[in-house]
Amino acid sequence: MRTLTKTITIRAPASKVWEVLTSPRLIPEWADSFTPGATAESEWLPGSEVVWTGDNGMVMRGQVTESVPDQTLRMTFPAGQAPDQDFDQVESFTLEPQGDTTLLTATHGPFGAQGYEMMEPPWDAAMAAIKSLAEGDASGRHLRDANSADISPPA
């Protein structure tokens, strides 16, 4: 079993990155990396339900287990909701302000080998999209400008 970890430096304050991660208007812009039409509904408070859906009929239900605005967002998803999801999964985002930038770390897992390989490319695309949206103008329309080479594994 492996947990996927992605880290990217974003030239924006943590509050803007948080907005990209939790805004119903912006989530589809980066979550589309995982499945077309992906959206999430949640209050983003500890204990609240989170429901991810997609145009393909995909539904993932989980619970927000930690939510500290501009710092940490963690969700758990019970086993059996996706292929190769034999175990409960945890998805988390950690935001670390660093001067004029924010270091965003996303973790997701555990996965079996097939699930890890399947999820790595969408996570690269999602992180690039999050970066582009947070660094973009108020309309959030710089989505396709992000460079996936900016995404690195943790040191």
C-alpha atoms as a PDB file:
ATOM      1  CA  MET A   1       0.000   0.000   0.000  1.00  0.00           C
ATOM      2  CA  ARG A   2       1.199   3.483  -0.854  1.00  0.00           C
ATOM      3  CA  THR A   3       0.094   6.997  -0.057  1.00  0.00           C
ATOM      4  CA  LEU A   4       0.423   9.559  -2.801  1.00  0.00           C
ATOM      5  CA  THR A   5       2.013  12.884  -1.784  1.00  0.00           C
ATOM      6  CA  LYS A   6       2.300  15.968  -4.011  1.00  0.00           C
ATOM      7  CA  THR A   7       3.822  19.332  -3.103  1.00  0.00           C
ATOM      8  CA  ILE A   8       3.735  22.593  -5.041  1.00  0.00           C
ATOM      9  CA  THR A   9       4.732  26.193  -4.325  1.00  0.00           C
ATOM     10  CA  ILE A  10       2.017  28.691  -5.179  1.00  0.00           C
ATOM     11  CA  ARG A  11       2.612  32.439  -5.571  1.00  0.00           C
ATOM     12  CA  ALA A  12      -0.494  33.374  -3.576  1.00  0.00           C
ATOM     13  CA  PRO A  13      -1.499  33.709   0.072  1.00  0.00           C
ATOM     14  CA  ALA A  14      -2.846  30.657   1.895  1.00  0.00           C
ATOM     15  CA  SER A  15      -6.285  32.288   2.026  1.00  0.00           C
ATOM     16  CA  LYS A  16      -6.486  32.275  -1.791  1.00  0.00           C
ATOM     17  CA  VAL A  17      -5.327  28.628  -1.977  1.00  0.00           C
ATOM     18  CA  TRP A  18      -7.947  27.716   0.638  1.00  0.00           C
ATOM     19  CA  GLU A  19     -10.603  29.449  -1.448  1.00  0.00           C
ATOM     20  CA  VAL A  20      -9.599  27.406  -4.517  1.00  0.00           C
ATOM     21  CA  LEU A  21      -9.802  24.181  -2.484  1.00  0.00           C
ATOM     22  CA  THR A  22     -13.210  24.850  -0.931  1.00  0.00           C
ATOM     23  CA  SER A  23     -15.177  27.235  -3.178  1.00  0.00           C
ATOM     24  CA  PRO A  24     -18.075  25.578  -5.049  1.00  0.00           C
ATOM     25  CA  ARG A  25     -17.287  27.931  -7.946  1.00  0.00           C
ATOM     26  CA  LEU A  26     -13.610  26.883  -8.187  1.00  0.00           C
ATOM     27  CA  ILE A  27     -13.623  23.199  -7.199  1.00  0.00           C
ATOM     28  CA  PRO A  28     -14.872  22.044 -10.625  1.00  0.00           C
ATOM     29  CA  GLU A  29     -11.960  23.886 -12.275  1.00  0.00           C
ATOM     30  CA  TRP A  30      -9.348  21.634 -10.640  1.00  0.00           C
ATOM     31  CA  ALA A  31     -11.378  18.546  -9.688  1.00  0.00           C
ATOM     32  CA  ASP A  32     -12.130  17.989 -13.383  1.00  0.00           C
ATOM     33  CA  SER A  33      -8.591  16.530 -13.424  1.00  0.00           C
ATOM     34  CA  PHE A  34     -10.001  13.435 -11.699  1.00  0.00           C
ATOM     35  CA  THR A  35     -13.256  13.008 -13.608  1.00  0.00           C
ATOM     36  CA  PRO A  36     -15.236  15.233 -15.978  1.00  0.00           C
ATOM     37  CA  GLY A  37     -17.781  17.403 -14.220  1.00  0.00           C
ATOM     38  CA  ALA A  38     -16.366  16.706 -10.756  1.00  0.00           C
ATOM     39  CA  THR A  39     -17.863  18.768  -7.951  1.00  0.00           C
ATOM     40  CA  ALA A  40     -17.834  18.607  -4.169  1.00  0.00           C
ATOM     41  CA  GLU A  41     -20.463  19.604  -1.659  1.00  0.00           C
ATOM     42  CA  SER A  42     -19.594  20.195   1.979  1.00  0.00           C
ATOM     43  CA  GLU A  43     -19.695  22.771   4.728  1.00  0.00           C
ATOM     44  CA  TRP A  44     -15.933  22.064   5.133  1.00  0.00           C
ATOM     45  CA  LEU A  45     -16.288  21.889   8.920  1.00  0.00           C
ATOM     46  CA  PRO A  46     -15.047  19.013  11.123  1.00  0.00           C
ATOM     47  CA  GLY A  47     -17.688  16.295  11.147  1.00  0.00           C
ATOM     48  CA  SER A  48     -19.511  17.525   8.057  1.00  0.00           C
ATOM     49  CA  GLU A  49     -20.193  15.244   5.116  1.00  0.00           C
ATOM     50  CA  VAL A  50     -18.339  15.727   1.837  1.00  0.00           C
ATOM     51  CA  VAL A  51     -19.842  14.362  -1.377  1.00  0.00           C
ATOM     52  CA  TRP A  52     -17.800  14.262  -4.580  1.00  0.00           C
ATOM     53  CA  THR A  53     -19.749  13.645  -7.787  1.00  0.00           C
ATOM     54  CA  GLY A  54     -18.917  13.542 -11.490  1.00  0.00           C
ATOM     55  CA  ASP A  55     -20.671  13.476 -14.847  1.00  0.00           C
ATOM     56  CA  ASN A  56     -19.904   9.748 -15.076  1.00  0.00           C
ATOM     57  CA  GLY A  57     -22.179   9.009 -12.094  1.00  0.00           C
ATOM     58  CA  MET A  58     -19.255   8.701  -9.678  1.00  0.00           C
ATOM     59  CA  VAL A  59     -20.176   9.441  -6.078  1.00  0.00           C
ATOM     60  CA  MET A  60     -17.686   9.404  -3.195  1.00  0.00           C
ATOM     61  CA  ARG A  61     -19.041  10.104   0.277  1.00  0.00           C
ATOM     62  CA  GLY A  62     -16.782  10.944   3.153  1.00  0.00           C
ATOM     63  CA  GLN A  63     -16.395  13.097   6.207  1.00  0.00           C
ATOM     64  CA  VAL A  64     -14.312  16.166   6.954  1.00  0.00           C
ATOM     65  CA  THR A  65     -12.145  15.146   9.910  1.00  0.00           C
ATOM     66  CA  GLU A  66     -10.053  18.305  10.206  1.00  0.00           C
ATOM     67  CA  SER A  67     -10.601  21.806   8.875  1.00  0.00           C
ATOM     68  CA  VAL A  68      -8.473  24.779   9.877  1.00  0.00           C
ATOM     69  CA  PRO A  69      -9.012  27.544   7.301  1.00  0.00           C
ATOM     70  CA  ASP A  70      -5.847  28.536   5.432  1.00  0.00           C
ATOM     71  CA  GLN A  71      -3.942  25.637   7.080  1.00  0.00           C
ATOM     72  CA  THR A  72      -5.358  22.097   6.929  1.00  0.00           C
ATOM     73  CA  LEU A  73      -8.203  20.192   5.315  1.00  0.00           C
ATOM     74  CA  ARG A  74      -8.529  16.431   5.895  1.00  0.00           C
ATOM     75  CA  MET A  75     -11.264  14.048   4.745  1.00  0.00           C
ATOM     76  CA  THR A  76     -11.817  10.317   5.137  1.00  0.00           C
ATOM     77  CA  PHE A  77     -13.632   8.046   2.697  1.00  0.00           C
ATOM     78  CA  PRO A  78     -14.848   4.562   3.718  1.00  0.00           C
ATOM     79  CA  ALA A  79     -13.523   1.575   1.762  1.00  0.00           C
ATOM     80  CA  GLY A  80     -15.285   0.168  -1.273  1.00  0.00           C
ATOM     81  CA  GLN A  81     -16.407   3.349  -3.033  1.00  0.00           C
ATOM     82  CA  ALA A  82     -13.912   3.131  -5.919  1.00  0.00           C
ATOM     83  CA  PRO A  83     -11.945   0.437  -7.747  1.00  0.00           C
ATOM     84  CA  ASP A  84      -8.908  -0.753  -5.750  1.00  0.00           C
ATOM     85  CA  GLN A  85     -10.196   1.045  -2.627  1.00  0.00           C
ATOM     86  CA  ASP A  86      -9.908  -1.871  -0.247  1.00  0.00           C
ATOM     87  CA  PHE A  87      -9.157   0.379   2.730  1.00  0.00           C
ATOM     88  CA  ASP A  88     -10.511   3.598   4.175  1.00  0.00           C
ATOM     89  CA  GLN A  89      -8.745   6.472   2.417  1.00  0.00           C
ATOM     90  CA  VAL A  90      -7.603   9.824   3.722  1.00  0.00           C
ATOM     91  CA  GLU A  91      -7.246  12.888   1.514  1.00  0.00           C
ATOM     92  CA  SER A  92      -5.580  15.938   3.026  1.00  0.00           C
ATOM     93  CA  PHE A  93      -4.282  19.358   2.092  1.00  0.00           C
ATOM     94  CA  THR A  94      -1.707  21.228   4.157  1.00  0.00           C
ATOM     95  CA  LEU A  95      -1.014  24.907   3.438  1.00  0.00           C
ATOM     96  CA  GLU A  96       2.225  26.449   4.710  1.00  0.00           C
ATOM     97  CA  PRO A  97       2.670  30.203   4.200  1.00  0.00           C
ATOM     98  CA  GLN A  98       6.238  31.048   3.139  1.00  0.00           C
ATOM     99  CA  GLY A  99       6.557  34.785   2.665  1.00  0.00           C
ATOM    100  CA  ASP A 100       4.644  35.705  -0.502  1.00  0.00           C
ATOM    101  CA  THR A 101       4.013  32.062  -1.403  1.00  0.00           C
ATOM    102  CA  THR A 102       2.175  29.045  -0.018  1.00  0.00           C
ATOM    103  CA  LEU A 103       3.560  25.529   0.005  1.00  0.00           C
ATOM    104  CA  LEU A 104       0.636  23.193  -0.699  1.00  0.00           C
ATOM    105  CA  THR A 105       0.998  19.503   0.133  1.00  0.00           C
ATOM    106  CA  ALA A 106      -1.717  17.043  -0.847  1.00  0.00           C
ATOM    107  CA  THR A 107      -1.776  13.438   0.364  1.00  0.00           C
ATOM    108  CA  HIS A 108      -4.194  10.698  -0.629  1.00  0.00           C
ATOM    109  CA  GLY A 109      -4.255   7.021   0.192  1.00  0.00           C
ATOM    110  CA  PRO A 110      -3.542   4.327   0.948  1.00  0.00           C
ATOM    111  CA  PHE A 111      -3.734   2.802  -2.513  1.00  0.00           C
ATOM    112  CA  GLY A 112      -2.896  -0.552  -3.938  1.00  0.00           C
ATOM    113  CA  ALA A 113      -0.413  -0.478  -6.837  1.00  0.00           C
ATOM    114  CA  GLN A 114      -3.139  -0.093  -9.483  1.00  0.00           C
ATOM    115  CA  GLY A 115      -4.885   2.739  -7.658  1.00  0.00           C
ATOM    116  CA  TYR A 116      -1.640   4.615  -7.044  1.00  0.00           C
ATOM    117  CA  GLU A 117      -0.647   4.475 -10.712  1.00  0.00           C
ATOM    118  CA  MET A 118      -4.164   5.475 -11.773  1.00  0.00           C
ATOM    119  CA  MET A 119      -4.327   8.482  -9.408  1.00  0.00           C
ATOM    120  CA  GLU A 120      -0.845   9.965  -9.859  1.00  0.00           C
ATOM    121  CA  PRO A 121      -1.450  11.726 -13.242  1.00  0.00           C
ATOM    122  CA  PRO A 122      -4.779  13.274 -12.157  1.00  0.00           C
ATOM    123  CA  TRP A 123      -3.160  14.567  -8.962  1.00  0.00           C
ATOM    124  CA  ASP A 124      -0.358  16.185 -11.003  1.00  0.00           C
ATOM    125  CA  ALA A 125      -2.982  17.908 -13.161  1.00  0.00           C
ATOM    126  CA  ALA A 126      -5.089  18.939 -10.149  1.00  0.00           C
ATOM    127  CA  MET A 127      -2.115  20.480  -8.344  1.00  0.00           C
ATOM    128  CA  ALA A 128      -1.145  22.435 -11.470  1.00  0.00           C
ATOM    129  CA  ALA A 129      -4.741  23.653 -11.795  1.00  0.00           C
ATOM    130  CA  ILE A 130      -4.919  24.678  -8.115  1.00  0.00           C
ATOM    131  CA  LYS A 131      -1.701  26.643  -8.576  1.00  0.00           C
ATOM    132  CA  SER A 132      -2.973  28.348 -11.700  1.00  0.00           C
ATOM    133  CA  LEU A 133      -6.317  29.249 -10.140  1.00  0.00           C
ATOM    134  CA  ALA A 134      -4.746  30.643  -6.964  1.00  0.00           C
ATOM    135  CA  GLU A 135      -2.180  32.660  -8.913  1.00  0.00           C
ATOM    136  CA  GLY A 136      -4.729  33.837 -11.506  1.00  0.00           C
ATOM    137  CA  ASP A 137      -6.888  36.882 -11.582  1.00  0.00           C
ATOM    138  CA  ALA A 138     -10.195  37.141  -9.741  1.00  0.00           C
ATOM    139  CA  SER A 139     -11.988  35.235 -12.507  1.00  0.00           C
ATOM    140  CA  GLY A 140      -9.698  32.242 -11.927  1.00  0.00           C
ATOM    141  CA  ARG A 141      -9.196  31.792 -15.662  1.00  0.00           C
ATOM    142  CA  HIS A 142      -5.477  30.965 -15.783  1.00  0.00           C
ATOM    143  CA  LEU A 143      -6.205  27.263 -15.348  1.00  0.00           C
ATOM    144  CA  ARG A 144      -4.301  26.016 -18.388  1.00  0.00           C
ATOM    145  CA  ASP A 145      -1.192  28.153 -17.705  1.00  0.00           C
ATOM    146  CA  ALA A 146       0.190  26.038 -14.849  1.00  0.00           C
ATOM    147  CA  ASN A 147       3.333  24.036 -15.454  1.00  0.00           C
ATOM    148  CA  SER A 148       3.170  20.496 -14.054  1.00  0.00           C
ATOM    149  CA  ALA A 149       6.983  20.553 -13.829  1.00  0.00           C
ATOM    150  CA  ASP A 150       6.474  22.810 -10.789  1.00  0.00           C
ATOM    151  CA  ILE A 151       5.010  19.855  -8.907  1.00  0.00           C
ATOM    152  CA  SER A 152       7.538  17.919  -6.901  1.00  0.00           C
ATOM    153  CA  PRO A 153       7.558  14.994  -4.528  1.00  0.00           C
ATOM    154  CA  PRO A 154       8.351  15.919  -0.933  1.00  0.00           C
ATOM    155  CA  ALA A 155      12.036  16.210  -0.056  1.00  0.00           C
END
